[in-house]
């Protein structure tokens, strides 16, 4: 957390400013980051498997003889 800046007025008032950079997505725990990373990796792996299956299905068979 940033140190607060204190501004003192000539009259009887005091103003305190506190500057914070708060991005909720960057304030996750290590465990939450691992869960998100595992989910992304899982989706990528499933997509890769689908791509491999589709490429196997689309390969023309070289063993067929043309008439």
PDB file of N, CA and C in Angstrom:
ATOM      1  N   UNK A   1       0.845  -1.157   0.000  1.00  0.00           N
ATOM      2  CA  UNK A   1       0.000   0.000   0.000  1.00  0.00           C
ATOM      3  C   UNK A   1       0.897   1.229   0.000  1.00  0.00           C
ATOM      4  N   UNK A   2       0.465   2.257  -0.702  1.00  0.00           N
ATOM      5  CA  UNK A   2       1.243   3.491  -0.798  1.00  0.00           C
ATOM      6  C   UNK A   2       1.132   4.287   0.495  1.00  0.00           C
ATOM      7  N   UNK A   3       2.172   5.036   0.787  1.00  0.00           N
ATOM      8  CA  UNK A   3       2.146   5.907   1.960  1.00  0.00           C
ATOM      9  C   UNK A   3       1.200   7.073   1.697  1.00  0.00           C
ATOM     10  N   UNK A   4       0.365   7.426   2.659  1.00  0.00           N
ATOM     11  CA  UNK A   4      -0.554   8.549   2.440  1.00  0.00           C
ATOM     12  C   UNK A   4       0.203   9.876   2.402  1.00  0.00           C
ATOM     13  N   UNK A   5      -0.285  10.782   1.582  1.00  0.00           N
ATOM     14  CA  UNK A   5       0.290  12.122   1.486  1.00  0.00           C
ATOM     15  C   UNK A   5      -0.578  13.061   2.310  1.00  0.00           C
ATOM     16  N   UNK A   6       0.032  13.786   3.210  1.00  0.00           N
ATOM     17  CA  UNK A   6      -0.714  14.695   4.082  1.00  0.00           C
ATOM     18  C   UNK A   6      -0.434  16.123   3.646  1.00  0.00           C
ATOM     19  N   UNK A   7      -1.506  16.871   3.382  1.00  0.00           N
ATOM     20  CA  UNK A   7      -1.401  18.277   2.993  1.00  0.00           C
ATOM     21  C   UNK A   7      -2.019  19.100   4.122  1.00  0.00           C
ATOM     22  N   UNK A   8      -1.264  20.026   4.630  1.00  0.00           N
ATOM     23  CA  UNK A   8      -1.785  20.860   5.709  1.00  0.00           C
ATOM     24  C   UNK A   8      -2.111  22.241   5.152  1.00  0.00           C
ATOM     25  N   UNK A   9      -3.315  22.677   5.427  1.00  0.00           N
ATOM     26  CA  UNK A   9      -3.774  23.989   4.968  1.00  0.00           C
ATOM     27  C   UNK A   9      -3.364  25.059   5.983  1.00  0.00           C
ATOM     28  N   UNK A  10      -3.447  26.304   5.531  1.00  0.00           N
ATOM     29  CA  UNK A  10      -3.137  27.412   6.449  1.00  0.00           C
ATOM     30  C   UNK A  10      -4.229  27.561   7.489  1.00  0.00           C
ATOM     31  N   UNK A  11      -5.431  27.186   7.137  1.00  0.00           N
ATOM     32  CA  UNK A  11      -6.521  27.253   8.117  1.00  0.00           C
ATOM     33  C   UNK A  11      -6.479  25.976   8.958  1.00  0.00           C
ATOM     34  N   UNK A  12      -7.519  25.695   9.659  1.00  0.00           N
ATOM     35  CA  UNK A  12      -7.545  24.569  10.590  1.00  0.00           C
ATOM     36  C   UNK A  12      -8.026  23.286   9.922  1.00  0.00           C
ATOM     37  N   UNK A  13      -7.544  22.956   8.732  1.00  0.00           N
ATOM     38  CA  UNK A  13      -7.967  21.723   8.083  1.00  0.00           C
ATOM     39  C   UNK A  13      -6.740  20.896   7.693  1.00  0.00           C
ATOM     40  N   UNK A  14      -6.936  19.601   7.610  1.00  0.00           N
ATOM     41  CA  UNK A  14      -5.886  18.691   7.154  1.00  0.00           C
ATOM     42  C   UNK A  14      -6.495  17.765   6.106  1.00  0.00           C
ATOM     43  N   UNK A  15      -5.822  17.649   4.980  1.00  0.00           N
ATOM     44  CA  UNK A  15      -6.297  16.795   3.889  1.00  0.00           C
ATOM     45  C   UNK A  15      -5.317  15.641   3.749  1.00  0.00           C
ATOM     46  N   UNK A  16      -5.823  14.441   3.729  1.00  0.00           N
ATOM     47  CA  UNK A  16      -4.977  13.257   3.554  1.00  0.00           C
ATOM     48  C   UNK A  16      -5.377  12.558   2.254  1.00  0.00           C
ATOM     49  N   UNK A  17      -4.398  12.374   1.375  1.00  0.00           N
ATOM     50  CA  UNK A  17      -4.621  11.677   0.114  1.00  0.00           C
ATOM     51  C   UNK A  17      -3.934  10.327   0.173  1.00  0.00           C
ATOM     52  N   UNK A  18      -4.622   9.336  -0.307  1.00  0.00           N
ATOM     53  CA  UNK A  18      -4.032   8.006  -0.347  1.00  0.00           C
ATOM     54  C   UNK A  18      -4.185   7.477  -1.774  1.00  0.00           C
ATOM     55  N   UNK A  19      -3.055   7.195  -2.427  1.00  0.00           N
ATOM     56  CA  UNK A  19      -3.053   6.726  -3.799  1.00  0.00           C
ATOM     57  C   UNK A  19      -2.838   5.216  -3.816  1.00  0.00           C
ATOM     58  N   UNK A  20      -3.743   4.517  -4.485  1.00  0.00           N
ATOM     59  CA  UNK A  20      -3.618   3.072  -4.603  1.00  0.00           C
ATOM     60  C   UNK A  20      -3.899   2.666  -6.036  1.00  0.00           C
ATOM     61  N   UNK A  21      -3.133   1.698  -6.505  1.00  0.00           N
ATOM     62  CA  UNK A  21      -3.385   1.106  -7.810  1.00  0.00           C
ATOM     63  C   UNK A  21      -4.021  -0.241  -7.537  1.00  0.00           C
ATOM     64  N   UNK A  22      -5.320  -0.328  -7.786  1.00  0.00           N
ATOM     65  CA  UNK A  22      -6.066  -1.514  -7.400  1.00  0.00           C
ATOM     66  C   UNK A  22      -6.679  -2.171  -8.638  1.00  0.00           C
ATOM     67  N   UNK A  23      -6.117  -3.301  -9.052  1.00  0.00           N
ATOM     68  CA  UNK A  23      -6.661  -4.086 -10.153  1.00  0.00           C
ATOM     69  C   UNK A  23      -7.034  -5.448  -9.572  1.00  0.00           C
ATOM     70  N   UNK A  24      -8.330  -5.745  -9.475  1.00  0.00           N
ATOM     71  CA  UNK A  24      -8.750  -6.998  -8.818  1.00  0.00           C
ATOM     72  C   UNK A  24      -8.169  -8.261  -9.458  1.00  0.00           C
ATOM     73  N   UNK A  25      -7.996  -8.279 -10.781  1.00  0.00           N
ATOM     74  CA  UNK A  25      -7.472  -9.479 -11.426  1.00  0.00           C
ATOM     75  C   UNK A  25      -6.017  -9.755 -11.049  1.00  0.00           C
ATOM     76  N   UNK A  26      -5.286  -8.735 -10.628  1.00  0.00           N
ATOM     77  CA  UNK A  26      -3.888  -8.934 -10.252  1.00  0.00           C
ATOM     78  C   UNK A  26      -3.727  -9.260  -8.772  1.00  0.00           C
ATOM     79  N   UNK A  27      -4.802  -9.243  -8.031  1.00  0.00           N
ATOM     80  CA  UNK A  27      -4.735  -9.519  -6.597  1.00  0.00           C
ATOM     81  C   UNK A  27      -5.308 -10.896  -6.296  1.00  0.00           C
ATOM     82  N   UNK A  28      -4.715 -11.912  -6.908  1.00  0.00           N
ATOM     83  CA  UNK A  28      -5.162 -13.278  -6.660  1.00  0.00           C
ATOM     84  C   UNK A  28      -4.056 -14.024  -5.925  1.00  0.00           C
ATOM     85  N   UNK A  29      -4.461 -15.041  -5.225  1.00  0.00           N
ATOM     86  CA  UNK A  29      -3.476 -15.837  -4.495  1.00  0.00           C
ATOM     87  C   UNK A  29      -2.770 -16.788  -5.456  1.00  0.00           C
ATOM     88  N   UNK A  30      -1.717 -17.414  -4.970  1.00  0.00           N
ATOM     89  CA  UNK A  30      -0.991 -18.391  -5.781  1.00  0.00           C
ATOM     90  C   UNK A  30      -1.878 -19.573  -6.136  1.00  0.00           C
ATOM     91  N   UNK A  31      -2.695 -20.002  -5.199  1.00  0.00           N
ATOM     92  CA  UNK A  31      -3.604 -21.121  -5.437  1.00  0.00           C
ATOM     93  C   UNK A  31      -4.619 -20.782  -6.522  1.00  0.00           C
ATOM     94  N   UNK A  32      -5.175 -19.581  -6.475  1.00  0.00           N
ATOM     95  CA  UNK A  32      -6.135 -19.165  -7.499  1.00  0.00           C
ATOM     96  C   UNK A  32      -5.457 -19.072  -8.868  1.00  0.00           C
ATOM     97  N   UNK A  33      -4.234 -18.606  -8.903  1.00  0.00           N
ATOM     98  CA  UNK A  33      -3.495 -18.536 -10.159  1.00  0.00           C
ATOM     99  C   UNK A  33      -3.238 -19.916 -10.741  1.00  0.00           C
ATOM    100  N   UNK A  34      -2.921 -20.874  -9.879  1.00  0.00           N
ATOM    101  CA  UNK A  34      -2.709 -22.242 -10.346  1.00  0.00           C
ATOM    102  C   UNK A  34      -3.992 -22.853 -10.908  1.00  0.00           C
ATOM    103  N   UNK A  35      -5.117 -22.570 -10.282  1.00  0.00           N
ATOM    104  CA  UNK A  35      -6.397 -23.091 -10.770  1.00  0.00           C
ATOM    105  C   UNK A  35      -6.723 -22.498 -12.136  1.00  0.00           C
ATOM    106  N   UNK A  36      -6.529 -21.194 -12.291  1.00  0.00           N
ATOM    107  CA  UNK A  36      -6.799 -20.541 -13.573  1.00  0.00           C
ATOM    108  C   UNK A  36      -5.855 -21.083 -14.645  1.00  0.00           C
ATOM    109  N   UNK A  37      -4.573 -21.235 -14.305  1.00  0.00           N
ATOM    110  CA  UNK A  37      -3.607 -21.776 -15.259  1.00  0.00           C
ATOM    111  C   UNK A  37      -3.932 -23.200 -15.666  1.00  0.00           C
ATOM    112  N   UNK A  38      -4.353 -24.015 -14.717  1.00  0.00           N
ATOM    113  CA  UNK A  38      -4.719 -25.404 -15.025  1.00  0.00           C
ATOM    114  C   UNK A  38      -5.949 -25.457 -15.917  1.00  0.00           C
ATOM    115  N   UNK A  39      -6.900 -24.573 -15.693  1.00  0.00           N
ATOM    116  CA  UNK A  39      -8.099 -24.536 -16.533  1.00  0.00           C
ATOM    117  C   UNK A  39      -7.736 -24.143 -17.966  1.00  0.00           C
ATOM    118  N   UNK A  40      -6.875 -23.156 -18.127  1.00  0.00           N
ATOM    119  CA  UNK A  40      -6.440 -22.740 -19.465  1.00  0.00           C
ATOM    120  C   UNK A  40      -5.691 -23.878 -20.145  1.00  0.00           C
ATOM    121  N   UNK A  41      -4.805 -24.532 -19.421  1.00  0.00           N
ATOM    122  CA  UNK A  41      -4.056 -25.656 -19.984  1.00  0.00           C
ATOM    123  C   UNK A  41      -4.986 -26.809 -20.365  1.00  0.00           C
ATOM    124  N   UNK A  42      -5.992 -27.065 -19.558  1.00  0.00           N
ATOM    125  CA  UNK A  42      -6.960 -28.124 -19.859  1.00  0.00           C
ATOM    126  C   UNK A  42      -7.752 -27.835 -21.129  1.00  0.00           C
ATOM    127  N   UNK A  43      -8.199 -26.600 -21.289  1.00  0.00           N
ATOM    128  CA  UNK A  43      -8.932 -26.228 -22.502  1.00  0.00           C
ATOM    129  C   UNK A  43      -8.031 -26.365 -23.719  1.00  0.00           C
ATOM    130  N   UNK A  44      -6.784 -25.937 -23.588  1.00  0.00           N
ATOM    131  CA  UNK A  44      -5.835 -26.052 -24.696  1.00  0.00           C
ATOM    132  C   UNK A  44      -5.608 -27.522 -25.057  1.00  0.00           C
ATOM    133  N   UNK A  45      -5.482 -28.381 -24.064  1.00  0.00           N
ATOM    134  CA  UNK A  45      -5.236 -29.805 -24.317  1.00  0.00           C
ATOM    135  C   UNK A  45      -6.430 -30.459 -25.021  1.00  0.00           C
ATOM    136  N   UNK A  46      -7.632 -30.130 -24.608  1.00  0.00           N
ATOM    137  CA  UNK A  46      -8.826 -30.688 -25.253  1.00  0.00           C
ATOM    138  C   UNK A  46      -8.898 -30.224 -26.707  1.00  0.00           C
ATOM    139  N   UNK A  47      -8.613 -28.957 -26.955  1.00  0.00           N
ATOM    140  CA  UNK A  47      -8.622 -28.444 -28.330  1.00  0.00           C
ATOM    141  C   UNK A  47      -7.561 -29.137 -29.174  1.00  0.00           C
ATOM    142  N   UNK A  48      -6.390 -29.389 -28.596  1.00  0.00           N
ATOM    143  CA  UNK A  48      -5.317 -30.073 -29.329  1.00  0.00           C
ATOM    144  C   UNK A  48      -5.741 -31.502 -29.682  1.00  0.00           C
ATOM    145  N   UNK A  49      -6.403 -32.200 -28.766  1.00  0.00           N
ATOM    146  CA  UNK A  49      -6.875 -33.557 -29.038  1.00  0.00           C
ATOM    147  C   UNK A  49      -7.901 -33.537 -30.168  1.00  0.00           C
ATOM    148  N   UNK A  50      -8.851 -32.603 -30.119  1.00  0.00           N
ATOM    149  CA  UNK A  50      -9.831 -32.491 -31.201  1.00  0.00           C
ATOM    150  C   UNK A  50      -9.143 -32.239 -32.539  1.00  0.00           C
ATOM    151  N   UNK A  51      -8.142 -31.381 -32.530  1.00  0.00           N
ATOM    152  CA  UNK A  51      -7.427 -31.086 -33.780  1.00  0.00           C
ATOM    153  C   UNK A  51      -6.714 -32.326 -34.312  1.00  0.00           C
ATOM    154  N   UNK A  52      -6.127 -33.107 -33.430  1.00  0.00           N
ATOM    155  CA  UNK A  52      -5.456 -34.325 -33.866  1.00  0.00           C
ATOM    156  C   UNK A  52      -6.453 -35.340 -34.423  1.00  0.00           C
ATOM    157  N   UNK A  53      -7.592 -35.486 -33.781  1.00  0.00           N
ATOM    158  CA  UNK A  53      -8.613 -36.417 -34.264  1.00  0.00           C
ATOM    159  C   UNK A  53      -9.121 -35.973 -35.631  1.00  0.00           C
ATOM    160  N   UNK A  54      -9.373 -34.693 -35.807  1.00  0.00           N
ATOM    161  CA  UNK A  54      -9.846 -34.182 -37.093  1.00  0.00           C
ATOM    162  C   UNK A  54      -8.795 -34.385 -38.173  1.00  0.00           C
ATOM    163  N   UNK A  55      -7.523 -34.172 -37.842  1.00  0.00           N
ATOM    164  CA  UNK A  55      -6.481 -34.371 -38.854  1.00  0.00           C
ATOM    165  C   UNK A  55      -6.355 -35.841 -39.246  1.00  0.00           C
ATOM    166  N   UNK A  56      -6.580 -36.753 -38.322  1.00  0.00           N
ATOM    167  CA  UNK A  56      -6.540 -38.185 -38.650  1.00  0.00           C
ATOM    168  C   UNK A  56      -7.731 -38.561 -39.527  1.00  0.00           C
ATOM    169  N   UNK A  57      -8.887 -38.004 -39.249  1.00  0.00           N
ATOM    170  CA  UNK A  57     -10.078 -38.306 -40.039  1.00  0.00           C
ATOM    171  C   UNK A  57      -9.946 -37.745 -41.458  1.00  0.00           C
ATOM    172  N   UNK A  58      -9.363 -36.597 -41.623  1.00  0.00           N
ATOM    173  CA  UNK A  58      -9.284 -35.936 -42.925  1.00  0.00           C
ATOM    174  C   UNK A  58      -8.145 -36.428 -43.808  1.00  0.00           C
ATOM    175  N   UNK A  59      -7.256 -37.247 -43.305  1.00  0.00           N
ATOM    176  CA  UNK A  59      -6.138 -37.741 -44.119  1.00  0.00           C
ATOM    177  C   UNK A  59      -6.666 -38.776 -45.102  1.00  0.00           C
ATOM    178  N   UNK A  60      -6.442 -38.569 -46.411  1.00  0.00           N
ATOM    179  CA  UNK A  60      -6.902 -39.579 -47.367  1.00  0.00           C
ATOM    180  C   UNK A  60      -6.071 -40.848 -47.219  1.00  0.00           C
ATOM    181  N   UNK A  61      -6.721 -41.972 -47.357  1.00  0.00           N
ATOM    182  CA  UNK A  61      -6.017 -43.250 -47.209  1.00  0.00           C
ATOM    183  C   UNK A  61      -5.202 -43.541 -48.458  1.00  0.00           C
ATOM    184  N   UNK A  62      -3.933 -43.804 -48.300  1.00  0.00           N
ATOM    185  CA  UNK A  62      -3.054 -44.092 -49.429  1.00  0.00           C
ATOM    186  C   UNK A  62      -3.152 -45.554 -49.843  1.00  0.00           C
ATOM    187  N   UNK A  63      -3.801 -46.374 -49.042  1.00  0.00           N
ATOM    188  CA  UNK A  63      -3.869 -47.814 -49.343  1.00  0.00           C
ATOM    189  C   UNK A  63      -4.996 -48.149 -50.309  1.00  0.00           C
ATOM    190  N   UNK A  64      -5.912 -47.231 -50.556  1.00  0.00           N
ATOM    191  CA  UNK A  64      -7.009 -47.502 -51.480  1.00  0.00           C
ATOM    192  C   UNK A  64      -6.503 -47.441 -52.917  1.00  0.00           C
ATOM    193  N   UNK A  65      -6.925 -48.394 -53.709  1.00  0.00           N
ATOM    194  CA  UNK A  65      -6.535 -48.399 -55.116  1.00  0.00           C
ATOM    195  C   UNK A  65      -7.609 -47.702 -55.920  1.00  0.00           C
ATOM    196  N   UNK A  66      -7.210 -46.814 -56.795  1.00  0.00           N
ATOM    197  CA  UNK A  66      -8.183 -46.132 -57.644  1.00  0.00           C
ATOM    198  C   UNK A  66      -8.508 -46.996 -58.852  1.00  0.00           C
ATOM    199  N   UNK A  67      -9.745 -46.966 -59.282  1.00  0.00           N
ATOM    200  CA  UNK A  67     -10.188 -47.803 -60.399  1.00  0.00           C
ATOM    201  C   UNK A  67     -10.134 -47.064 -61.696  1.00  0.00           C
TER     202      UNK A  67
END
